[in-house]
Protein backbone atom coordinates (compact mmCIF):
# COMPACT_ATOMS: atom_id res chain seq x y z
CA MET A 1 -42.24 107.66 27.43
CA THR A 2 -39.24 107.93 30.00
CA ILE A 3 -37.48 104.32 30.50
CA THR A 4 -37.19 102.25 34.02
CA HIS A 5 -34.75 99.99 35.29
CA ARG A 6 -37.64 97.41 34.54
CA ASN A 7 -37.91 98.11 31.13
CA VAL A 8 -33.64 97.89 30.50
CA LEU A 9 -33.34 95.01 32.08
CA ASN A 10 -36.75 93.49 30.06
CA HIS A 11 -34.94 95.01 27.19
CA LEU A 12 -31.58 92.33 27.78
CA ALA A 13 -34.08 89.31 27.05
CA GLY A 14 -31.43 87.79 29.81
CA GLY A 15 -33.88 84.92 31.39
CA GLU A 16 -31.96 83.41 33.72
CA LEU A 17 -29.23 85.75 33.56
CA VAL A 18 -30.86 88.65 34.53
CA GLU A 19 -33.16 86.60 36.63
CA ALA A 20 -30.34 85.71 38.99
CA ILE A 21 -28.73 88.60 39.07
CA GLU A 22 -31.54 90.81 40.30
CA SER A 23 -32.25 88.43 42.73
CA ASP A 24 -28.46 88.19 44.17
CA VAL A 25 -28.48 92.65 43.99
CA LYS A 26 -31.49 92.66 46.21
CA ARG A 27 -30.16 89.50 48.67
CA CYS A 28 -26.89 91.60 48.82
CA ALA A 29 -28.61 94.98 49.18
CA LEU A 30 -31.27 92.90 51.74
CA TRP A 31 -28.68 92.01 53.71
CA ALA A 32 -26.61 95.39 54.00
CA ARG A 33 -29.80 97.42 55.28
CA LEU A 34 -30.71 94.99 57.73
CA SER A 35 -27.42 95.70 59.15
CA PRO A 36 -27.85 97.33 63.47
CA ASP A 37 -26.18 100.45 62.31
CA LYS A 38 -27.81 100.95 58.59
CA ALA A 39 -29.27 104.06 59.47
CA ALA A 40 -25.72 105.80 60.64
CA ARG A 41 -24.67 104.59 57.45
CA GLU A 42 -24.31 106.84 54.09
CA PRO A 43 -25.96 105.13 50.81
CA ALA A 44 -22.41 105.41 49.82
CA GLU A 45 -21.04 103.24 52.44
CA ILE A 46 -23.77 100.94 52.14
CA GLY A 47 -23.37 100.63 47.93
CA ALA A 48 -19.95 100.00 48.65
CA GLU A 49 -20.39 96.25 50.85
CA VAL A 50 -23.07 95.52 48.37
CA ILE A 51 -20.76 95.76 45.12
CA ALA A 52 -18.07 94.48 46.75
CA THR A 53 -20.00 91.43 48.05
CA LEU A 54 -21.72 91.09 44.72
CA MET A 55 -18.56 90.80 42.70
CA LEU A 56 -17.25 88.42 45.05
CA ARG A 57 -19.24 85.99 42.45
CA TRP A 58 -20.56 87.51 39.50
CA GLN A 59 -16.62 88.77 38.92
CA CYS A 60 -16.31 85.06 37.52
CA ILE A 61 -18.44 86.11 34.53
CA LEU A 62 -16.63 89.20 33.72
CA ASP A 63 -13.25 88.17 34.36
CA SER A 64 -13.59 85.23 31.88
CA ASP A 65 -12.60 84.36 28.62
CA ASP A 66 -13.84 83.45 25.78
CA SER A 67 -13.73 79.47 26.36
CA ILE A 68 -16.17 80.42 29.50
CA THR A 69 -18.24 82.59 27.79
CA THR A 70 -19.26 84.32 25.09
CA PRO A 71 -18.25 88.80 24.52
CA LEU A 72 -22.55 88.78 24.40
CA TYR A 73 -22.74 87.09 27.40
CA ARG A 74 -20.65 89.41 29.22
CA HIS A 75 -21.73 92.32 28.21
CA THR A 76 -24.94 91.40 28.94
CA THR A 77 -24.24 90.37 32.49
CA ALA A 78 -21.95 94.00 32.91
CA LEU A 79 -25.09 96.28 32.03
CA ALA A 80 -27.70 94.09 33.94
CA LEU A 81 -25.71 94.49 37.13
CA ALA A 82 -25.12 97.66 36.89
CA THR A 83 -28.94 98.67 36.52
CA ALA A 84 -30.14 96.42 39.13
CA LEU A 85 -27.61 98.00 41.28
CA HIS A 86 -28.87 101.48 39.97
CA GLN A 87 -32.07 100.96 40.38
CA GLN A 88 -31.64 99.63 44.51
CA GLY A 89 -29.42 103.18 44.73
CA PHE A 90 -25.68 101.73 44.12
CA HIS A 91 -23.55 103.06 41.55
CA ALA A 92 -20.94 101.31 40.60
CA PRO A 93 -18.34 103.72 38.15
CA ALA A 94 -15.92 100.71 37.10
CA LEU A 95 -18.92 98.68 36.08
CA THR A 96 -21.30 101.55 34.56
CA THR A 97 -18.12 102.02 32.53
CA ARG A 98 -17.87 98.68 31.31
CA ALA A 99 -22.22 98.48 30.83
CA LEU A 100 -21.98 101.70 28.92
CA ALA A 101 -19.43 100.19 26.39
CA ALA A 102 -22.14 96.80 26.78
CA ILE A 103 -24.60 98.93 25.17
CA THR A 104 -22.64 99.92 21.98
CA ALA A 105 -21.38 96.43 21.74
CA LEU A 106 -24.75 94.75 21.79
CA ASN A 107 -25.64 97.14 19.14
CA ASP A 108 -23.18 96.85 17.18
CA ALA A 109 -23.99 92.82 17.45
CA VAL A 110 -27.98 93.69 16.47
CA ALA A 111 -27.97 91.55 19.53
CA LEU A 112 -31.18 92.60 20.72
CA SER A 113 -34.22 94.53 19.51
CA ASP A 114 -34.65 97.68 17.34
CA HIS A 115 -36.98 99.07 20.41
CA PHE A 116 -33.08 98.87 22.57
CA HIS A 117 -31.32 101.02 19.98
CA ARG A 118 -33.60 103.33 19.95
CA LYS A 119 -33.61 104.12 23.70
CA SER A 120 -29.79 103.26 24.51
CA GLY A 121 -29.13 107.19 25.04
CA GLN A 122 -32.07 106.90 27.68
CA ILE A 123 -30.65 103.98 28.89
CA ARG A 124 -27.00 105.59 29.30
CA ALA A 125 -28.62 108.90 30.86
CA LEU A 126 -30.41 106.68 33.29
CA LEU A 127 -27.09 104.78 34.33
CA GLN A 128 -24.92 107.96 34.53
CA SER A 129 -27.89 109.79 36.28
CA ALA A 130 -27.47 110.05 40.58
CA PRO A 131 -29.07 106.85 41.89
CA LEU A 132 -32.00 107.12 44.60
CA MET A 133 -31.97 104.19 47.42
CA PRO A 134 -35.71 102.69 47.54
CA ALA A 135 -37.29 103.93 50.74
CA ARG A 136 -38.46 100.21 51.50
CA ARG A 137 -35.91 97.17 51.50
CA PRO A 138 -35.93 95.07 48.82
CA PRO A 139 -38.47 91.87 49.30
CA HIS A 140 -36.87 88.52 49.61
CA LYS A 141 -38.34 86.00 47.53
CA LYS A 142 -37.87 82.47 48.18
CA SER A 143 -36.77 79.90 45.80
CA LEU A 144 -35.94 76.20 45.11
CA THR A 145 -33.16 74.86 44.10
CA LEU A 146 -32.58 72.81 40.37
CA TRP A 147 -29.49 70.93 41.94
CA ARG A 148 -30.02 67.63 43.66
CA ALA A 149 -28.31 65.37 45.96
CA GLY A 150 -25.12 63.92 44.70
CA ASP A 151 -24.32 66.43 42.66
CA VAL A 152 -20.10 67.30 42.74
CA ALA A 153 -19.32 71.05 41.72
CA SER A 154 -16.17 72.86 41.45
CA VAL A 155 -16.33 76.33 43.76
CA GLN A 156 -14.16 79.32 42.30
CA VAL A 157 -13.50 82.04 44.55
CA ASP A 158 -11.21 84.85 43.04
CA ASP A 159 -8.09 82.90 41.76
CA HIS A 160 -8.92 79.60 43.56
CA PHE A 161 -11.14 76.53 43.61
CA HIS A 162 -12.61 74.73 45.85
CA ALA A 163 -14.83 71.53 45.43
CA MET A 164 -18.36 71.10 46.87
CA TYR A 165 -20.49 67.59 47.22
CA VAL A 166 -23.90 68.37 47.78
CA LEU A 167 -25.16 65.97 50.02
CA ASP A 168 -29.49 66.62 50.29
CA VAL A 169 -31.73 69.58 49.55
CA ALA A 170 -33.81 70.41 52.62
CA HIS A 171 -36.24 73.64 52.56
CA GLY A 172 -35.00 74.19 48.87
CA ALA A 173 -31.30 75.06 49.72
CA PRO A 174 -28.96 72.45 48.79
CA ILE A 175 -27.04 70.90 52.21
CA VAL A 176 -22.90 70.60 50.81
CA GLU A 177 -20.33 70.12 52.32
CA PHE A 178 -16.22 70.30 50.61
CA TYR A 179 -13.59 68.33 49.55
CA ASP A 180 -10.03 68.93 50.77
CA TYR A 181 -8.98 70.52 48.12
CA LEU A 182 -8.01 74.21 47.32
CA GLU A 183 -5.80 74.85 44.04
CA ARG A 184 -5.70 77.14 41.61
CA GLN A 185 -6.82 75.23 38.90
CA PRO A 186 -10.36 73.57 38.44
CA PRO A 187 -10.59 70.23 40.47
CA THR A 188 -11.36 67.43 38.24
CA MET A 189 -13.16 63.58 39.51
CA GLU A 190 -10.48 61.85 38.79
CA THR A 191 -8.51 63.85 41.93
CA LEU A 192 -11.50 63.96 43.89
CA ARG A 193 -12.57 60.53 44.27
CA ALA A 194 -8.83 60.42 46.07
CA LEU A 195 -9.76 62.86 48.50
CA ARG A 196 -11.36 63.24 52.03
CA ALA A 197 -14.44 65.95 53.75
CA ARG A 198 -12.87 68.96 54.52
CA GLY A 199 -13.58 69.36 58.21
CA THR A 200 -14.23 73.07 60.06
CA PRO A 201 -10.70 74.84 60.55
CA THR A 202 -10.11 74.50 64.80
CA SER A 203 -7.45 75.29 67.15
CA ASP A 204 -7.44 72.04 68.59
CA GLU A 205 -6.55 68.26 67.04
CA ASP A 206 -10.28 67.82 65.83
CA SER A 207 -11.85 69.12 63.04
CA TYR A 208 -15.48 68.71 62.79
CA LEU A 209 -18.01 68.38 60.10
CA ASP A 210 -18.41 71.64 57.84
CA ARG A 211 -21.77 71.72 56.33
CA HIS A 212 -23.54 74.34 54.98
CA ALA A 213 -27.62 75.21 53.89
CA LEU A 214 -26.58 77.18 50.62
CA PHE A 215 -29.58 79.11 50.07
CA GLY A 216 -29.45 81.36 47.05
CA LEU A 217 -27.88 79.15 44.69
CA VAL A 218 -31.12 78.21 42.20
CA TYR A 219 -29.72 77.77 38.81
CA GLN A 220 -28.16 74.67 37.54
CA PRO A 221 -25.75 75.56 35.42
CA ASP A 222 -25.13 78.53 37.46
CA PRO A 223 -25.66 81.69 35.53
CA ALA A 224 -22.65 83.44 37.03
CA HIS A 225 -20.37 80.27 36.52
CA GLN A 226 -19.00 80.52 39.79
CA PHE A 227 -20.24 76.52 40.73
CA VAL A 228 -19.94 74.45 38.08
CA LEU A 229 -21.35 70.90 37.74
CA LEU A 230 -18.60 68.03 37.74
CA ALA A 231 -21.13 64.91 38.34
CA SER A 232 -24.02 63.85 39.14
CA ALA A 233 -25.48 60.93 41.11
CA VAL A 234 -21.98 60.08 42.67
CA ASP A 235 -21.03 59.37 46.33
CA GLY A 236 -19.67 61.88 48.42
CA PRO A 237 -15.99 62.25 50.13
CA ASP A 238 -14.86 59.89 53.22
CA ASN A 239 -15.78 61.69 56.53
CA GLN A 240 -15.63 59.45 58.98
CA HIS A 241 -12.12 61.56 60.36
CA LEU A 242 -14.88 64.09 61.11
CA GLN A 243 -16.15 64.76 64.70
CA ARG A 244 -19.78 65.45 64.94
CA HIS A 245 -21.89 68.52 66.21
CA ASP A 246 -24.68 68.73 67.95
CA GLY A 247 -26.33 70.88 64.75
CA LEU A 248 -26.72 69.60 61.12
CA TYR A 249 -25.21 72.12 59.28
CA VAL A 250 -25.31 75.76 59.26
CA VAL A 251 -27.72 78.19 57.41
CA SER A 252 -26.05 80.28 54.80
CA ASP A 253 -26.39 81.41 51.59
CA VAL A 254 -24.04 81.68 48.43
CA PHE A 255 -22.13 85.34 49.20
CA ARG A 256 -21.69 84.26 53.03
CA LEU A 257 -20.12 80.84 51.70
CA THR A 258 -17.98 82.89 49.55
CA GLN A 259 -16.66 85.02 52.02
CA ASP A 260 -15.95 82.23 54.65
CA LEU A 261 -14.39 80.29 51.93
CA ARG A 262 -12.29 83.49 50.93
CA ALA A 263 -11.28 83.70 55.12
CA ARG A 264 -9.87 80.59 54.81
CA ASN A 265 -7.21 80.77 52.37
CA PRO A 266 -4.34 83.27 53.22
CA ALA A 267 -3.99 84.36 50.04
CA GLN A 268 -7.15 85.52 49.44
CA GLN A 269 -7.24 87.44 52.65
């Protein structure tokens, strides 16, 4: 029996980790394939966009050390990412190389089933085969968040950290704003208590409330370790110095927000 992508992902028994990876890959693939110029773009070009967007978030795990995650968690992440991307018709050479090494490491650690061990050759062959983009765009499943109003989190973007406060939850998404914090070290609550809310970047003297409906942030703790809970049921940052918009918030998701945060930091452009 020929092994499928679904078989591989099921063998990983990764629970929320694998579910989160599949959801993120489908979200990135859907957005890339919805672009107006999609028909004129080669699959490899679409794939490069998807992979670059996806890695903004999941590189947090792949680059982490043993103080953050275990080696087996990183191996499972690499293999699940490569498999889910291949399933959507995309191939990331560096990630595939890491996934192939992960198969060996997972087998050496006897971390998975005998069936996974026996099928390892087929899994390797699948990941090294030419991917085929499905004719249909991936479905987008609506999900509910486990984050709650009053949560404070560190948010990693490349090698910098921001600090986020959950104001409310609406339509299954956290409504968030940010503390005026941007450093190379994760924030602490002691530091954040003295900081005000960060507003929108503007060319004039006035700055406005900067709030986002953050779709795609579902699990707590975050399997990608990009959003790390610091405290719960606390008051948010002072935002009285910020002007009010007519709208309540910007509808966004974890990837568009990450790109937005990256664009605001000159060191990350």
